[in-house]
């Protein structure tokens, strides 16, 4: 809270500027913030529901689509945030030792400015869940808290890897592989019960899975997330944020020569 009080206003203005710049100059402007997630949701819903005809026991095809949409929103957020965040320091090296706009605000700025498409996807999922009556009342509490924890997790990751990217540029080249792996190995379109027991460890080794399960449970399954998913999301969100902030503050001066 003290960190937000100190840097909140400057961070808010920077994020607002980045969002405006993201859609500046395009014909459709900010309408792309709706079109992009709508296209992604439609694409994956068509692939899984119509083409592959995947079914989850006890879920109608419409509610299964909500399951995919809620999982996709977290995957989109991860993909957008990591892609933008890894270059936060590399592309703005002059700010690494800046005191007017602290360098530690650059990764949170990138992550927060990347929220729009994923938030729109989550909004679609929430509206559909309410309309189909698959949502549980606990979603009012669980969904916002999960989203905040996911933001904290991603900011922590970007604090760490945006500095490392100054030395190991291969991280930026491999970001597409990372994003694809997270998408394929996450339970975006299936539940853990559908996975053979011998392969369930893959789900729990994927950090994004905990956040996906915490979003899917109250929106598509009408229940609380499992204790394992909730504990994992809390530990990953808060723990990664604190570790990332500590690493950035202590290590950024060691990376000045690479900037």
Protein backbone atom coordinates (compact mmCIF):
# COMPACT_ATOMS: atom_id res chain seq x y z
CA UNK A 1 0.00 0.00 0.00
CA UNK A 2 2.87 2.39 0.76
CA UNK A 3 4.31 1.58 -2.68
CA UNK A 4 0.97 2.45 -4.33
CA UNK A 5 0.64 5.66 -2.32
CA UNK A 6 4.13 6.76 -3.36
CA UNK A 7 4.00 5.87 -7.05
CA UNK A 8 0.28 5.46 -7.78
CA UNK A 9 -0.44 8.83 -9.47
CA UNK A 10 2.61 8.69 -11.73
CA UNK A 11 1.93 5.07 -12.63
CA UNK A 12 -1.73 5.82 -13.42
CA UNK A 13 -0.84 8.67 -15.78
CA UNK A 14 1.83 6.58 -17.51
CA UNK A 15 -0.54 3.64 -18.03
CA UNK A 16 -3.27 5.95 -19.34
CA UNK A 17 -0.79 7.43 -21.84
CA UNK A 18 0.35 3.98 -23.01
CA UNK A 19 -3.22 2.79 -23.56
CA UNK A 20 -4.02 5.89 -25.61
CA UNK A 21 -0.85 5.46 -27.67
CA UNK A 22 -1.55 1.80 -28.30
CA UNK A 23 -4.59 2.56 -30.45
CA UNK A 24 -3.55 5.99 -31.73
CA UNK A 25 -3.42 6.30 -35.53
CA UNK A 26 -5.50 3.21 -36.31
CA UNK A 27 -8.76 3.59 -38.23
CA UNK A 28 -10.88 1.79 -35.64
CA UNK A 29 -8.96 3.24 -32.68
CA UNK A 30 -9.87 1.88 -29.26
CA UNK A 31 -12.55 -0.32 -30.86
CA UNK A 32 -9.73 -2.82 -31.40
CA UNK A 33 -9.78 -3.40 -27.62
CA UNK A 34 -13.16 -5.08 -28.17
CA UNK A 35 -12.55 -6.64 -31.59
CA UNK A 36 -9.34 -8.49 -30.68
CA UNK A 37 -10.63 -10.41 -27.63
CA UNK A 38 -13.99 -10.97 -29.36
CA UNK A 39 -12.18 -12.56 -32.31
CA UNK A 40 -10.02 -14.71 -30.02
CA UNK A 41 -13.02 -15.89 -28.00
CA UNK A 42 -14.98 -16.70 -31.16
CA UNK A 43 -12.02 -18.55 -32.66
CA UNK A 44 -11.33 -20.79 -29.68
CA UNK A 45 -15.01 -21.40 -28.98
CA UNK A 46 -15.44 -22.54 -32.59
CA UNK A 47 -12.36 -24.80 -32.46
CA UNK A 48 -13.16 -26.52 -29.17
CA UNK A 49 -16.98 -26.57 -29.25
CA UNK A 50 -17.80 -26.96 -32.94
CA UNK A 51 -14.77 -28.61 -34.57
CA UNK A 52 -13.25 -30.76 -31.80
CA UNK A 53 -16.63 -31.15 -30.04
CA UNK A 54 -14.97 -31.30 -26.63
CA UNK A 55 -17.47 -31.79 -23.82
CA UNK A 56 -17.13 -31.45 -20.07
CA UNK A 57 -19.43 -33.74 -18.08
CA UNK A 58 -22.44 -31.87 -16.63
CA UNK A 59 -21.72 -28.73 -18.70
CA UNK A 60 -23.78 -27.65 -21.69
CA UNK A 61 -21.90 -26.46 -24.80
CA UNK A 62 -22.83 -22.87 -23.90
CA UNK A 63 -21.44 -23.11 -20.35
CA UNK A 64 -18.38 -24.93 -21.69
CA UNK A 65 -17.80 -21.87 -23.87
CA UNK A 66 -17.80 -19.76 -20.69
CA UNK A 67 -15.17 -22.13 -19.28
CA UNK A 68 -12.99 -21.52 -22.34
CA UNK A 69 -13.60 -17.77 -22.29
CA UNK A 70 -12.68 -17.35 -18.63
CA UNK A 71 -9.51 -19.40 -19.09
CA UNK A 72 -8.62 -17.56 -22.27
CA UNK A 73 -8.81 -14.19 -20.50
CA UNK A 74 -5.98 -15.22 -18.15
CA UNK A 75 -3.93 -16.65 -21.02
CA UNK A 76 -4.37 -13.43 -23.03
CA UNK A 77 -3.28 -11.41 -20.04
CA UNK A 78 -0.15 -13.52 -19.58
CA UNK A 79 0.73 -13.35 -23.27
CA UNK A 80 0.17 -9.60 -23.62
CA UNK A 81 1.94 -8.71 -20.38
CA UNK A 82 5.03 -10.86 -20.93
CA UNK A 83 5.42 -9.77 -24.56
CA UNK A 84 5.28 -6.10 -23.63
CA UNK A 85 7.04 -6.34 -20.29
CA UNK A 86 10.24 -8.07 -21.39
CA UNK A 87 11.16 -5.02 -23.45
CA UNK A 88 10.21 -2.50 -20.77
CA UNK A 89 13.83 -1.83 -19.79
CA UNK A 90 15.55 -2.70 -23.09
CA UNK A 91 13.44 -0.20 -25.01
CA UNK A 92 13.75 2.55 -22.40
CA UNK A 93 17.30 2.21 -21.11
CA UNK A 94 17.67 5.90 -20.38
CA UNK A 95 15.13 5.56 -17.57
CA UNK A 96 17.03 2.83 -15.73
CA UNK A 97 18.67 5.38 -13.42
CA UNK A 98 16.00 8.05 -13.77
CA UNK A 99 14.80 9.54 -10.49
CA UNK A 100 11.84 11.51 -11.85
CA UNK A 101 10.15 8.38 -13.20
CA UNK A 102 11.65 5.46 -11.23
CA UNK A 103 12.76 2.51 -13.35
CA UNK A 104 10.85 0.09 -11.14
CA UNK A 105 7.62 1.57 -12.50
CA UNK A 106 8.42 0.50 -16.08
CA UNK A 107 7.46 -3.21 -15.70
CA UNK A 108 4.17 -2.45 -13.83
CA UNK A 109 3.44 0.18 -16.46
CA UNK A 110 3.80 -2.39 -19.26
CA UNK A 111 1.72 -5.02 -17.47
CA UNK A 112 -1.12 -2.67 -16.55
CA UNK A 113 -1.24 -1.10 -20.02
CA UNK A 114 -1.66 -4.59 -21.49
CA UNK A 115 -4.80 -5.31 -19.47
CA UNK A 116 -7.44 -3.99 -21.86
CA UNK A 117 -7.90 -6.99 -24.23
CA UNK A 118 -7.87 -9.55 -21.42
CA UNK A 119 -10.26 -7.52 -19.27
CA UNK A 120 -12.68 -7.28 -22.19
CA UNK A 121 -12.47 -11.08 -22.63
CA UNK A 122 -13.16 -11.56 -18.91
CA UNK A 123 -16.10 -9.18 -19.17
CA UNK A 124 -17.55 -11.27 -22.02
CA UNK A 125 -17.13 -14.41 -19.91
CA UNK A 126 -18.75 -12.81 -16.85
CA UNK A 127 -21.74 -11.48 -18.80
CA UNK A 128 -22.26 -14.86 -20.49
CA UNK A 129 -21.97 -16.65 -17.13
CA UNK A 130 -24.66 -14.43 -15.59
CA UNK A 131 -26.89 -14.82 -18.64
CA UNK A 132 -26.54 -18.64 -18.62
CA UNK A 133 -26.86 -18.75 -14.80
CA UNK A 134 -23.66 -20.72 -14.44
CA UNK A 135 -22.01 -18.09 -12.23
CA UNK A 136 -21.87 -18.48 -8.48
CA UNK A 137 -22.34 -15.48 -6.14
CA UNK A 138 -18.81 -16.05 -4.91
CA UNK A 139 -17.61 -14.82 -8.32
CA UNK A 140 -18.12 -11.25 -7.07
CA UNK A 141 -15.29 -11.84 -4.60
CA UNK A 142 -13.16 -14.52 -6.24
CA UNK A 143 -12.83 -13.11 -9.77
CA UNK A 144 -11.53 -9.61 -8.83
CA UNK A 145 -9.17 -11.05 -6.21
CA UNK A 146 -7.82 -13.61 -8.69
CA UNK A 147 -7.26 -10.87 -11.26
CA UNK A 148 -5.35 -8.73 -8.75
CA UNK A 149 -3.17 -11.70 -7.78
CA UNK A 150 -2.50 -12.44 -11.45
CA UNK A 151 -1.45 -8.82 -12.01
CA UNK A 152 0.91 -9.04 -9.03
CA UNK A 153 2.34 -12.32 -10.34
CA UNK A 154 3.02 -10.86 -13.79
CA UNK A 155 4.52 -7.64 -12.44
CA UNK A 156 6.88 -9.70 -10.31
CA UNK A 157 7.91 -11.82 -13.30
CA UNK A 158 8.47 -8.79 -15.51
CA UNK A 159 10.55 -7.06 -12.80
CA UNK A 160 12.89 -10.05 -12.88
CA UNK A 161 13.03 -10.89 -16.56
CA UNK A 162 13.06 -7.34 -17.92
CA UNK A 163 16.46 -6.90 -16.23
CA UNK A 164 17.74 -10.30 -17.31
CA UNK A 165 16.69 -9.46 -20.88
CA UNK A 166 19.37 -6.75 -20.89
CA UNK A 167 21.99 -9.51 -20.76
CA UNK A 168 20.21 -12.48 -22.33
CA UNK A 169 18.39 -11.17 -25.39
CA UNK A 170 17.36 -14.75 -26.19
CA UNK A 171 14.57 -14.36 -23.64
CA UNK A 172 12.80 -11.91 -25.93
CA UNK A 173 13.24 -14.23 -28.90
CA UNK A 174 11.77 -17.15 -26.99
CA UNK A 175 8.73 -15.32 -25.63
CA UNK A 176 6.46 -16.75 -28.34
CA UNK A 177 7.48 -20.29 -27.37
CA UNK A 178 6.74 -19.48 -23.73
CA UNK A 179 3.32 -18.06 -24.58
CA UNK A 180 2.44 -21.05 -26.74
CA UNK A 181 3.56 -23.49 -24.04
CA UNK A 182 1.49 -21.73 -21.40
CA UNK A 183 -1.57 -21.84 -23.65
CA UNK A 184 -1.25 -25.51 -24.59
CA UNK A 185 -0.36 -26.77 -21.12
CA UNK A 186 -2.92 -24.70 -19.21
CA UNK A 187 -6.42 -26.04 -18.39
CA UNK A 188 -8.03 -23.37 -20.54
CA UNK A 189 -10.35 -25.76 -22.36
CA UNK A 190 -10.58 -28.68 -19.96
CA UNK A 191 -10.84 -29.44 -16.26
CA UNK A 192 -8.22 -31.31 -14.18
CA UNK A 193 -10.67 -34.24 -13.89
CA UNK A 194 -10.35 -34.80 -17.65
CA UNK A 195 -6.58 -35.28 -17.43
CA UNK A 196 -5.12 -38.76 -16.76
CA UNK A 197 -3.71 -39.08 -13.25
CA UNK A 198 -0.19 -39.68 -14.57
CA UNK A 199 -0.21 -36.34 -16.41
CA UNK A 200 -1.92 -34.08 -13.87
CA UNK A 201 1.42 -32.87 -12.61
CA UNK A 202 1.74 -30.88 -15.86
CA UNK A 203 -1.19 -28.70 -14.82
CA UNK A 204 0.23 -27.97 -11.39
CA UNK A 205 3.71 -27.22 -12.76
CA UNK A 206 2.19 -24.49 -14.93
CA UNK A 207 1.83 -21.37 -12.74
CA UNK A 208 -0.90 -19.83 -14.90
CA UNK A 209 -3.12 -22.88 -14.22
CA UNK A 210 -3.86 -21.78 -10.65
CA UNK A 211 -5.30 -18.46 -11.82
CA UNK A 212 -7.27 -20.06 -14.65
CA UNK A 213 -8.89 -22.56 -12.27
CA UNK A 214 -9.78 -19.76 -9.84
CA UNK A 215 -11.59 -17.91 -12.65
CA UNK A 216 -13.32 -20.93 -14.17
CA UNK A 217 -14.76 -22.34 -10.94
CA UNK A 218 -17.05 -19.42 -9.97
CA UNK A 219 -17.95 -18.43 -13.55
CA UNK A 220 -18.49 -21.77 -15.31
CA UNK A 221 -18.71 -24.41 -12.58
CA UNK A 222 -20.70 -22.38 -10.04
CA UNK A 223 -18.44 -23.22 -7.12
CA UNK A 224 -15.48 -22.10 -5.07
CA UNK A 225 -12.07 -22.85 -6.59
CA UNK A 226 -10.28 -25.86 -5.13
CA UNK A 227 -8.09 -25.14 -2.08
CA UNK A 228 -4.99 -26.07 -4.11
CA UNK A 229 -5.84 -23.51 -6.80
CA UNK A 230 -6.63 -20.76 -4.29
CA UNK A 231 -3.51 -21.33 -2.18
CA UNK A 232 -1.36 -21.56 -5.30
CA UNK A 233 -2.75 -18.29 -6.73
CA UNK A 234 -2.22 -16.44 -3.44
CA UNK A 235 1.33 -17.71 -2.97
CA UNK A 236 2.33 -17.09 -6.58
CA UNK A 237 0.76 -13.64 -6.72
CA UNK A 238 2.08 -12.18 -3.48
CA UNK A 239 5.33 -14.18 -3.41
CA UNK A 240 6.39 -13.38 -6.99
CA UNK A 241 5.52 -9.70 -6.54
CA UNK A 242 7.70 -9.36 -3.43
CA UNK A 243 10.58 -11.41 -4.86
CA UNK A 244 10.47 -9.47 -8.13
CA UNK A 245 10.45 -6.08 -6.42
CA UNK A 246 13.34 -7.04 -4.13
CA UNK A 247 15.35 -8.43 -7.06
CA UNK A 248 14.78 -5.34 -9.19
CA UNK A 249 15.75 -2.88 -6.46
CA UNK A 250 18.93 -4.74 -5.59
CA UNK A 251 20.04 -5.85 -9.05
CA UNK A 252 19.23 -2.92 -11.34
CA UNK A 253 22.52 -1.15 -10.61
CA UNK A 254 24.42 -4.29 -11.53
CA UNK A 255 22.75 -4.23 -14.97
CA UNK A 256 23.56 -0.58 -15.74
CA UNK A 257 26.59 -1.57 -17.82
CA UNK A 258 24.34 -3.63 -20.10
CA UNK A 259 21.77 -0.87 -20.62
